[in-house]
Every structure is written in C-alpha cells, then in structure tokens.
Amino acid sequence: TSKVIGTGTIIDTARLRFILSEYLQISSKNIHAYIMGEHGDSSFVPWYYANVGCKSIIDVLNDMNKPISILEDFHKDVVNAAYEIIEKKRATYYGIGLALCKIVKSIIDNDNSIITVSTYLENGKYGQDDIYIGVPAIINSNGVSEILELNLTKEDQEKLDNSCNIIKEMREKSIDKIINE
C-alpha cells in the first residue's frame, strides 16, 4: 500500500467520461474509461478497457455506425479542455478541488474506489520502476491498496513508457538537480 498519492489523471478521466456521456447520451456513471500517464499531453486512453455499462465502447460505436477514429478526437478534446479553461479562467481551481475531494472521500469512507491517481510504480509494475504516474488504483483507508495493472496493448504500453520518460526527464532537470547540488 501507499499513502503518498497524487491527483494523477483523475480530472482528465472525469472530463473524458463527461465528453463520452454527452456524445452517447448515457449517464457518465455508466461510462467506464480511464486516462493514464501524466496529466498532460502524453496522457492516453487504453480504449480496449473502455466500456459503456458492460459493453465495449468500440462495440457501442459500431452499433451506432460511428467511426472508431472518433475516440482519439475525444482524447484530444480532454487534453485541450485544460488549456481552454486556463485561457478563460487563468487556472483550473475547481477541477483540482473536486479531484482532491473525491480522493479524500474515498479514503475517509474506505470505499475501495477505482481512481486514476498518481501512485508509485516499482518492481516492474507496468514495466516501470521508481516513478509516480497516473494509473487505475483502488483507494481506501490505506491509501492506494492496490494498483490495477492492465494488460496494455503494445501501442498503449509505448504510450505509457513515453509518458513516464517525459516525467523522468522533467524530474532529472528539476528535482534531481536540486537534490544533487
């Protein structure tokens, strides 16, 4: 377990579920999709694990005669939403506040919620070691009680690796530089 938790991609995941909900005209409570990686441009959606209720998002789009390619547009909309909010309001105060409330509520209520938080990956989890990054995890009174390790496609694993490399490079240029001085 880990009691050190970051907000990870919880805001991005909420935005994704909202966008999908609006498009599909289905309650966001029934959209099960996650954004992984850094909270930023290198985030990604493992679409293979995205569901509407108990049905694959890909099957839902096929049933609606909608192109699968629209999924990447949804992800781009999520990434761009943060920039639009910052441009209009100068910051994303409310989103981060709601994200923190959700995490704290899950800890206090000990409810075993699955949330894409930034948590510590070590010992080869997701092929990584010594990094905090947004992945689905079970949150309860112990903090992160379990990291849900998805069997990512090769393409999604490459996207996660890229996102981790970006964070590691930023860490080397900033935090590690300060620590080593």
C-alpha atoms as a PDB file:
ATOM      1  CA  THR A   1       0.000   0.000   0.000  1.00  0.00           C
ATOM      2  CA  SER A   2       0.983   3.613  -0.445  1.00  0.00           C
ATOM      3  CA  LYS A   3      -0.208   6.667   1.423  1.00  0.00           C
ATOM      4  CA  VAL A   4       1.561   9.030  -0.987  1.00  0.00           C
ATOM      5  CA  ILE A   5      -0.972   9.831  -3.693  1.00  0.00           C
ATOM      6  CA  GLY A   6      -1.153  12.482  -6.404  1.00  0.00           C
ATOM      7  CA  THR A   7      -4.214  13.563  -8.351  1.00  0.00           C
ATOM      8  CA  GLY A   8      -2.782  11.867 -11.431  1.00  0.00           C
ATOM      9  CA  THR A   9      -5.256  11.810 -14.296  1.00  0.00           C
ATOM     10  CA  ILE A  10      -8.437  11.908 -12.228  1.00  0.00           C
ATOM     11  CA  ILE A  11      -9.515  15.244 -13.764  1.00  0.00           C
ATOM     12  CA  ASP A  12      -8.745  14.038 -17.285  1.00  0.00           C
ATOM     13  CA  THR A  13     -10.701  10.841 -16.645  1.00  0.00           C
ATOM     14  CA  ALA A  14     -13.719  12.821 -15.396  1.00  0.00           C
ATOM     15  CA  ARG A  15     -13.579  15.062 -18.474  1.00  0.00           C
ATOM     16  CA  LEU A  16     -13.348  12.026 -20.756  1.00  0.00           C
ATOM     17  CA  ARG A  17     -16.360  10.391 -19.133  1.00  0.00           C
ATOM     18  CA  PHE A  18     -18.321  13.643 -19.443  1.00  0.00           C
ATOM     19  CA  ILE A  19     -17.472  14.027 -23.147  1.00  0.00           C
ATOM     20  CA  LEU A  20     -18.371  10.401 -23.859  1.00  0.00           C
ATOM     21  CA  SER A  21     -21.569  10.772 -21.839  1.00  0.00           C
ATOM     22  CA  GLU A  22     -22.621  13.823 -23.838  1.00  0.00           C
ATOM     23  CA  TYR A  23     -21.840  12.157 -27.153  1.00  0.00           C
ATOM     24  CA  LEU A  24     -23.507   8.837 -26.337  1.00  0.00           C
ATOM     25  CA  GLN A  25     -26.391  10.335 -24.322  1.00  0.00           C
ATOM     26  CA  ILE A  26     -25.624   7.896 -21.484  1.00  0.00           C
ATOM     27  CA  SER A  27     -25.060   8.839 -17.842  1.00  0.00           C
ATOM     28  CA  SER A  28     -21.374   9.379 -17.048  1.00  0.00           C
ATOM     29  CA  LYS A  29     -21.909   6.988 -14.119  1.00  0.00           C
ATOM     30  CA  ASN A  30     -22.119   4.232 -16.717  1.00  0.00           C
ATOM     31  CA  ILE A  31     -19.023   5.234 -18.670  1.00  0.00           C
ATOM     32  CA  HIS A  32     -16.012   3.213 -17.550  1.00  0.00           C
ATOM     33  CA  ALA A  33     -12.942   4.649 -19.247  1.00  0.00           C
ATOM     34  CA  TYR A  34      -9.658   5.873 -17.834  1.00  0.00           C
ATOM     35  CA  ILE A  35      -6.919   8.242 -18.903  1.00  0.00           C
ATOM     36  CA  MET A  36      -3.458   7.055 -17.899  1.00  0.00           C
ATOM     37  CA  GLY A  37       0.019   8.538 -17.832  1.00  0.00           C
ATOM     38  CA  GLU A  38       0.932  12.096 -16.995  1.00  0.00           C
ATOM     39  CA  HIS A  39      -1.661  14.805 -16.504  1.00  0.00           C
ATOM     40  CA  GLY A  40      -0.745  16.399 -19.802  1.00  0.00           C
ATOM     41  CA  ASP A  41      -0.159  15.974 -23.495  1.00  0.00           C
ATOM     42  CA  SER A  42       1.339  12.478 -23.278  1.00  0.00           C
ATOM     43  CA  SER A  43      -1.675  11.006 -21.486  1.00  0.00           C
ATOM     44  CA  PHE A  44      -3.606   8.273 -23.286  1.00  0.00           C
ATOM     45  CA  VAL A  45      -6.762   6.183 -23.084  1.00  0.00           C
ATOM     46  CA  PRO A  46      -6.458   2.390 -23.148  1.00  0.00           C
ATOM     47  CA  TRP A  47      -9.594   2.094 -25.307  1.00  0.00           C
ATOM     48  CA  TYR A  48      -9.540  -1.700 -25.117  1.00  0.00           C
ATOM     49  CA  TYR A  49     -10.645  -1.326 -21.473  1.00  0.00           C
ATOM     50  CA  ALA A  50     -13.256   1.410 -22.084  1.00  0.00           C
ATOM     51  CA  ASN A  51     -16.849   0.312 -21.548  1.00  0.00           C
ATOM     52  CA  VAL A  52     -20.345   1.733 -21.568  1.00  0.00           C
ATOM     53  CA  GLY A  53     -22.067  -0.293 -18.883  1.00  0.00           C
ATOM     54  CA  CYS A  54     -20.820  -3.781 -19.616  1.00  0.00           C
ATOM     55  CA  LYS A  55     -20.356  -3.224 -23.356  1.00  0.00           C
ATOM     56  CA  SER A  56     -17.129  -2.237 -25.078  1.00  0.00           C
ATOM     57  CA  ILE A  57     -17.043   1.380 -26.305  1.00  0.00           C
ATOM     58  CA  ILE A  58     -15.902   0.039 -29.673  1.00  0.00           C
ATOM     59  CA  ASP A  59     -18.972  -2.221 -29.900  1.00  0.00           C
ATOM     60  CA  VAL A  60     -21.209   0.684 -28.884  1.00  0.00           C
ATOM     61  CA  LEU A  61     -19.778   2.906 -31.633  1.00  0.00           C
ATOM     62  CA  ASN A  62     -20.094   0.083 -34.178  1.00  0.00           C
ATOM     63  CA  ASP A  63     -23.747  -0.394 -33.185  1.00  0.00           C
ATOM     64  CA  MET A  64     -24.292   3.352 -33.717  1.00  0.00           C
ATOM     65  CA  ASN A  65     -22.492   3.227 -37.101  1.00  0.00           C
ATOM     66  CA  LYS A  66     -19.950   5.742 -35.772  1.00  0.00           C
ATOM     67  CA  PRO A  67     -16.276   5.640 -36.765  1.00  0.00           C
ATOM     68  CA  ILE A  68     -13.833   4.280 -34.197  1.00  0.00           C
ATOM     69  CA  SER A  69     -11.457   7.092 -35.176  1.00  0.00           C
ATOM     70  CA  ILE A  70     -13.663   9.497 -33.201  1.00  0.00           C
ATOM     71  CA  LEU A  71     -12.189   8.080 -29.983  1.00  0.00           C
ATOM     72  CA  GLU A  72      -8.905   9.923 -30.500  1.00  0.00           C
ATOM     73  CA  ASP A  73     -10.881  13.141 -31.056  1.00  0.00           C
ATOM     74  CA  PHE A  74     -12.442  12.661 -27.617  1.00  0.00           C
ATOM     75  CA  HIS A  75      -8.994  12.286 -26.063  1.00  0.00           C
ATOM     76  CA  LYS A  76      -7.758  15.419 -27.849  1.00  0.00           C
ATOM     77  CA  ASP A  77     -10.811  17.288 -26.520  1.00  0.00           C
ATOM     78  CA  VAL A  78      -9.860  16.258 -22.978  1.00  0.00           C
ATOM     79  CA  VAL A  79      -6.257  17.407 -23.373  1.00  0.00           C
ATOM     80  CA  ASN A  80      -7.358  20.697 -24.938  1.00  0.00           C
ATOM     81  CA  ALA A  81     -10.036  21.319 -22.280  1.00  0.00           C
ATOM     82  CA  ALA A  82      -7.406  22.190 -19.678  1.00  0.00           C
ATOM     83  CA  TYR A  83      -5.838  24.759 -21.991  1.00  0.00           C
ATOM     84  CA  GLU A  84      -9.239  26.296 -22.727  1.00  0.00           C
ATOM     85  CA  ILE A  85     -10.123  26.519 -19.029  1.00  0.00           C
ATOM     86  CA  ILE A  86      -6.782  28.121 -18.188  1.00  0.00           C
ATOM     87  CA  GLU A  87      -7.195  30.582 -21.075  1.00  0.00           C
ATOM     88  CA  LYS A  88     -10.653  31.630 -19.874  1.00  0.00           C
ATOM     89  CA  LYS A  89     -10.265  31.414 -16.082  1.00  0.00           C
ATOM     90  CA  ARG A  90      -6.464  31.588 -15.690  1.00  0.00           C
ATOM     91  CA  ALA A  91      -6.450  28.324 -13.683  1.00  0.00           C
ATOM     92  CA  THR A  92      -8.326  25.077 -13.023  1.00  0.00           C
ATOM     93  CA  TYR A  93      -9.088  25.634  -9.323  1.00  0.00           C
ATOM     94  CA  TYR A  94     -12.409  23.846  -9.178  1.00  0.00           C
ATOM     95  CA  GLY A  95     -11.382  20.724 -11.049  1.00  0.00           C
ATOM     96  CA  ILE A  96      -8.417  20.022  -8.806  1.00  0.00           C
ATOM     97  CA  GLY A  97     -10.542  20.795  -5.723  1.00  0.00           C
ATOM     98  CA  LEU A  98     -13.164  18.272  -6.799  1.00  0.00           C
ATOM     99  CA  ALA A  99     -10.467  15.700  -7.570  1.00  0.00           C
ATOM    100  CA  LEU A 100      -8.953  16.089  -4.105  1.00  0.00           C
ATOM    101  CA  CYS A 101     -12.401  15.808  -2.522  1.00  0.00           C
ATOM    102  CA  LYS A 102     -13.029  12.542  -4.390  1.00  0.00           C
ATOM    103  CA  ILE A 103      -9.722  11.059  -3.229  1.00  0.00           C
ATOM    104  CA  VAL A 104     -10.174  12.192   0.390  1.00  0.00           C
ATOM    105  CA  LYS A 105     -13.790  10.946   0.450  1.00  0.00           C
ATOM    106  CA  SER A 106     -12.661   7.525  -0.817  1.00  0.00           C
ATOM    107  CA  ILE A 107     -10.038   7.369   1.936  1.00  0.00           C
ATOM    108  CA  ILE A 108     -12.407   8.509   4.706  1.00  0.00           C
ATOM    109  CA  ASP A 109     -15.291   6.301   3.517  1.00  0.00           C
ATOM    110  CA  ASN A 110     -12.928   3.357   2.945  1.00  0.00           C
ATOM    111  CA  ASP A 111     -14.947   2.671  -0.203  1.00  0.00           C
ATOM    112  CA  ASN A 112     -12.419   0.917  -2.459  1.00  0.00           C
ATOM    113  CA  SER A 113     -12.997   3.288  -5.378  1.00  0.00           C
ATOM    114  CA  ILE A 114     -11.025   2.800  -8.564  1.00  0.00           C
ATOM    115  CA  ILE A 115      -9.400   6.152  -9.336  1.00  0.00           C
ATOM    116  CA  THR A 116      -6.605   7.071 -11.752  1.00  0.00           C
ATOM    117  CA  VAL A 117      -4.251   8.578  -9.206  1.00  0.00           C
ATOM    118  CA  SER A 118      -0.552   9.221  -9.428  1.00  0.00           C
ATOM    119  CA  THR A 119       0.969   6.400  -7.456  1.00  0.00           C
ATOM    120  CA  TYR A 120       4.385   4.827  -7.115  1.00  0.00           C
ATOM    121  CA  LEU A 121       5.333   2.208  -9.653  1.00  0.00           C
ATOM    122  CA  GLU A 122       8.168  -0.091  -8.671  1.00  0.00           C
ATOM    123  CA  ASN A 123       9.384  -3.626  -9.247  1.00  0.00           C
ATOM    124  CA  GLY A 124       8.372  -3.606 -12.897  1.00  0.00           C
ATOM    125  CA  LYS A 125       4.702  -2.641 -12.466  1.00  0.00           C
ATOM    126  CA  TYR A 126       3.617  -1.584 -15.948  1.00  0.00           C
ATOM    127  CA  GLY A 127       7.248  -2.177 -16.962  1.00  0.00           C
ATOM    128  CA  GLN A 128       8.356   0.779 -14.825  1.00  0.00           C
ATOM    129  CA  ASP A 129      10.348   1.432 -11.690  1.00  0.00           C
ATOM    130  CA  ASP A 130      10.783   4.437  -9.408  1.00  0.00           C
ATOM    131  CA  ILE A 131       8.110   6.745 -10.804  1.00  0.00           C
ATOM    132  CA  TYR A 132       4.779   8.249  -9.791  1.00  0.00           C
ATOM    133  CA  ILE A 133       2.274   8.310 -12.660  1.00  0.00           C
ATOM    134  CA  GLY A 134      -1.486   8.155 -13.243  1.00  0.00           C
ATOM    135  CA  VAL A 135      -2.785   4.591 -13.286  1.00  0.00           C
ATOM    136  CA  PRO A 136      -6.022   2.999 -12.054  1.00  0.00           C
ATOM    137  CA  ALA A 137      -5.741   2.111  -8.374  1.00  0.00           C
ATOM    138  CA  ILE A 138      -8.059   1.004  -5.592  1.00  0.00           C
ATOM    139  CA  ILE A 139      -8.283   3.738  -2.962  1.00  0.00           C
ATOM    140  CA  ASN A 140      -9.447   3.141   0.615  1.00  0.00           C
ATOM    141  CA  SER A 141      -8.432   3.999   4.180  1.00  0.00           C
ATOM    142  CA  ASN A 142      -4.968   2.573   3.486  1.00  0.00           C
ATOM    143  CA  GLY A 143      -4.447   4.978   0.579  1.00  0.00           C
ATOM    144  CA  VAL A 144      -3.576   3.022  -2.553  1.00  0.00           C
ATOM    145  CA  SER A 145      -4.430  -0.509  -1.531  1.00  0.00           C
ATOM    146  CA  GLU A 146      -3.809  -1.973  -4.985  1.00  0.00           C
ATOM    147  CA  ILE A 147      -2.589  -0.833  -8.377  1.00  0.00           C
ATOM    148  CA  LEU A 148      -4.740  -2.318 -11.120  1.00  0.00           C
ATOM    149  CA  GLU A 149      -2.235  -3.423 -13.711  1.00  0.00           C
ATOM    150  CA  LEU A 150      -3.938  -3.648 -17.091  1.00  0.00           C
ATOM    151  CA  ASN A 151      -2.516  -5.875 -19.779  1.00  0.00           C
ATOM    152  CA  LEU A 152      -1.862  -2.974 -22.151  1.00  0.00           C
ATOM    153  CA  THR A 153      -1.582  -3.373 -25.896  1.00  0.00           C
ATOM    154  CA  LYS A 154       1.902  -2.836 -27.313  1.00  0.00           C
ATOM    155  CA  GLU A 155       0.848   0.611 -28.566  1.00  0.00           C
ATOM    156  CA  ASP A 156      -0.602   1.617 -25.178  1.00  0.00           C
ATOM    157  CA  GLN A 157       2.486   0.341 -23.350  1.00  0.00           C
ATOM    158  CA  GLU A 158       4.617   2.510 -25.637  1.00  0.00           C
ATOM    159  CA  LYS A 159       2.402   5.499 -24.791  1.00  0.00           C
ATOM    160  CA  LEU A 160       2.785   4.831 -21.058  1.00  0.00           C
ATOM    161  CA  ASP A 161       6.550   4.403 -21.446  1.00  0.00           C
ATOM    162  CA  ASN A 162       6.708   7.727 -23.316  1.00  0.00           C
ATOM    163  CA  SER A 163       4.698   9.466 -20.610  1.00  0.00           C
ATOM    164  CA  CYS A 164       6.973   8.016 -17.916  1.00  0.00           C
ATOM    165  CA  ASN A 165      10.066   9.122 -19.832  1.00  0.00           C
ATOM    166  CA  ILE A 166       8.718  12.680 -20.028  1.00  0.00           C
ATOM    167  CA  ILE A 167       8.186  12.740 -16.259  1.00  0.00           C
ATOM    168  CA  LYS A 168      11.607  11.211 -15.592  1.00  0.00           C
ATOM    169  CA  GLU A 169      13.262  13.833 -17.825  1.00  0.00           C
ATOM    170  CA  MET A 170      11.448  16.639 -16.004  1.00  0.00           C
ATOM    171  CA  ARG A 171      12.464  15.121 -12.670  1.00  0.00           C
ATOM    172  CA  GLU A 172      16.119  14.934 -13.760  1.00  0.00           C
ATOM    173  CA  LYS A 173      16.095  18.577 -14.873  1.00  0.00           C
ATOM    174  CA  SER A 174      14.429  19.875 -11.730  1.00  0.00           C
ATOM    175  CA  ILE A 175      14.104  17.777  -8.575  1.00  0.00           C
ATOM    176  CA  ASP A 176      17.155  15.592  -9.072  1.00  0.00           C
ATOM    177  CA  LYS A 177      19.231  18.657  -9.955  1.00  0.00           C
ATOM    178  CA  ILE A 178      18.193  20.363  -6.681  1.00  0.00           C
ATOM    179  CA  ILE A 179      18.808  17.252  -4.595  1.00  0.00           C
ATOM    180  CA  ASN A 180      22.247  16.626  -6.106  1.00  0.00           C
ATOM    181  CA  GLU A 181      23.504  20.203  -5.649  1.00  0.00           C
END
